[in-house]
C-alpha atoms as a PDB file:
ATOM      1  CA  VAL A   1     102.545 157.254 133.888  1.00  0.00           C
ATOM      2  CA  LEU A   2      99.509 159.438 134.421  1.00  0.00           C
ATOM      3  CA  LEU A   3      96.422 158.323 132.426  1.00  0.00           C
ATOM      4  CA  LYS A   4      98.229 155.319 130.902  1.00  0.00           C
ATOM      5  CA  VAL A   5      96.079 152.226 130.488  1.00  0.00           C
ATOM      6  CA  PRO A   6      97.794 149.296 132.282  1.00  0.00           C
ATOM      7  CA  GLY A   7      99.500 146.958 129.807  1.00  0.00           C
ATOM      8  CA  ARG A   8      99.365 149.384 126.891  1.00  0.00           C
ATOM      9  CA  VAL A   9     102.665 149.926 125.096  1.00  0.00           C
ATOM     10  CA  GLY A  10     101.793 152.467 122.395  1.00  0.00           C
ATOM     11  CA  GLN A  11     103.847 153.240 119.312  1.00  0.00           C
ATOM     12  CA  ALA A  12     106.814 154.813 121.127  1.00  0.00           C
ATOM     13  CA  GLY A  13     108.125 151.450 122.313  1.00  0.00           C
ATOM     14  CA  VAL A  14     107.813 149.698 118.939  1.00  0.00           C
ATOM     15  CA  TYR A  15     110.734 150.119 116.535  1.00  0.00           C
ATOM     16  CA  GLY A  16     109.664 151.846 113.298  1.00  0.00           C
ATOM     17  CA  CYS A  17     106.257 152.920 114.553  1.00  0.00           C
ATOM     18  CA  GLY A  18     106.823 155.857 116.899  1.00  0.00           C
ATOM     19  CA  CYS A  19     110.058 157.121 115.385  1.00  0.00           C
ATOM     20  CA  TRP A  20     112.467 156.236 112.603  1.00  0.00           C
ATOM     21  CA  ALA A  21     115.636 157.682 111.123  1.00  0.00           C
ATOM     22  CA  ALA A  22     117.606 156.472 108.125  1.00  0.00           C
ATOM     23  CA  ASN A  23     120.384 157.515 105.810  1.00  0.00           C
ATOM     24  CA  LEU A  24     120.023 154.983 103.002  1.00  0.00           C
ATOM     25  CA  SER A  25     122.844 156.144 100.765  1.00  0.00           C
ATOM     26  CA  CYS A  26     125.104 159.059  99.963  1.00  0.00           C
ATOM     27  CA  ASN A  27     122.810 159.969  97.060  1.00  0.00           C
ATOM     28  CA  SER A  28     119.598 160.234  99.063  1.00  0.00           C
ATOM     29  CA  PRO A  29     118.710 162.570 101.925  1.00  0.00           C
ATOM     30  CA  ALA A  30     118.761 161.428 105.538  1.00  0.00           C
ATOM     31  CA  VAL A  31     115.211 161.161 106.833  1.00  0.00           C
ATOM     32  CA  ALA A  32     113.879 161.218 110.386  1.00  0.00           C
ATOM     33  CA  CYS A  33     110.251 160.953 111.462  1.00  0.00           C
ATOM     34  CA  SER A  34     108.432 160.984 114.790  1.00  0.00           C
ATOM     35  CA  THR A  35     104.727 160.229 115.224  1.00  0.00           C
ATOM     36  CA  SER A  36     102.085 160.984 117.791  1.00  0.00           C
ATOM     37  CA  GLY A  37      98.485 159.950 118.059  1.00  0.00           C
ATOM     38  CA  ALA A  38      96.540 156.695 118.138  1.00  0.00           C
ATOM     39  CA  GLY A  39      99.392 154.282 118.858  1.00  0.00           C
ATOM     40  CA  GLU A  40      97.527 151.127 117.922  1.00  0.00           C
ATOM     41  CA  ASP A  41      96.813 152.452 114.421  1.00  0.00           C
ATOM     42  CA  LEU A  42     100.372 153.709 113.972  1.00  0.00           C
ATOM     43  CA  ILE A  43     101.773 150.320 114.984  1.00  0.00           C
ATOM     44  CA  LYS A  44      99.623 148.475 112.432  1.00  0.00           C
ATOM     45  CA  CYS A  45     101.082 150.379 109.485  1.00  0.00           C
ATOM     46  CA  MET A  46     104.548 151.227 110.919  1.00  0.00           C
ATOM     47  CA  LEU A  47     103.794 154.810 109.935  1.00  0.00           C
ATOM     48  CA  ALA A  48     107.144 156.391 110.892  1.00  0.00           C
ATOM     49  CA  ARG A  49     109.231 153.922 108.896  1.00  0.00           C
ATOM     50  CA  SER A  50     106.801 153.859 105.972  1.00  0.00           C
ATOM     51  CA  PHE A  51     106.895 157.654 105.755  1.00  0.00           C
ATOM     52  CA  ALA A  52     110.702 157.838 105.989  1.00  0.00           C
ATOM     53  CA  ASP A  53     111.030 155.195 103.251  1.00  0.00           C
ATOM     54  CA  ALA A  54     108.557 157.044 101.034  1.00  0.00           C
ATOM     55  CA  VAL A  55     110.410 160.358 101.443  1.00  0.00           C
ATOM     56  CA  ALA A  56     113.778 158.730 100.785  1.00  0.00           C
ATOM     57  CA  HIS A  57     112.534 157.189  97.542  1.00  0.00           C
ATOM     58  CA  GLU A  58     110.218 159.964  96.308  1.00  0.00           C
ATOM     59  CA  GLY A  59     112.078 163.012  97.608  1.00  0.00           C
ATOM     60  CA  ALA A  60     109.091 165.338  98.107  1.00  0.00           C
ATOM     61  CA  PRO A  61     107.772 164.987 101.688  1.00  0.00           C
ATOM     62  CA  ASP A  62     104.350 166.468 100.932  1.00  0.00           C
ATOM     63  CA  GLU A  63     103.711 164.065  98.036  1.00  0.00           C
ATOM     64  CA  ALA A  64     105.140 161.116  99.976  1.00  0.00           C
ATOM     65  CA  VAL A  65     102.861 161.654 102.983  1.00  0.00           C
ATOM     66  CA  ARG A  66      99.821 162.251 100.768  1.00  0.00           C
ATOM     67  CA  ARG A  67     100.398 159.011  98.846  1.00  0.00           C
ATOM     68  CA  LEU A  68     101.200 157.028 101.989  1.00  0.00           C
ATOM     69  CA  LEU A  69      98.064 158.150 103.819  1.00  0.00           C
ATOM     70  CA  GLN A  70      95.936 157.433 100.740  1.00  0.00           C
ATOM     71  CA  ASP A  71      97.439 153.926 100.561  1.00  0.00           C
ATOM     72  CA  VAL A  72      96.809 153.327 104.272  1.00  0.00           C
ATOM     73  CA  ALA A  73      93.242 154.606 104.013  1.00  0.00           C
ATOM     74  CA  ALA A  74      92.599 152.374 100.981  1.00  0.00           C
ATOM     75  CA  THR A  75      93.979 149.194 102.578  1.00  0.00           C
ATOM     76  CA  ARG A  76      92.743 149.536 106.172  1.00  0.00           C
ATOM     77  CA  PRO A  77      89.125 149.836 107.196  1.00  0.00           C
ATOM     78  CA  GLY A  78      89.002 153.096 109.094  1.00  0.00           C
ATOM     79  CA  GLY A  79      92.468 154.174 107.877  1.00  0.00           C
ATOM     80  CA  VAL A  80      94.722 155.882 110.399  1.00  0.00           C
ATOM     81  CA  GLN A  81      92.771 157.889 112.930  1.00  0.00           C
ATOM     82  CA  ALA A  82      94.002 161.389 113.690  1.00  0.00           C
ATOM     83  CA  GLY A  83      94.855 161.793 117.367  1.00  0.00           C
END
């Protein structure tokens, strides 16, 4: 792959980090998420799965992503870097 660092996997090949989809129950919405950016950071926090879980339990995507990113920024030095 052009410009790929040898040996680097990135988030796309790690389940729950690059993409995630779930339909937890009949009473909650189905949620799908795909990420792009700094793969190493996204792998550390399993961002796709964490976001889908937050949306499924909170319902409002904008509030779920805001809270999730605040939590990640608070618990990880440097937070998640925008790609």
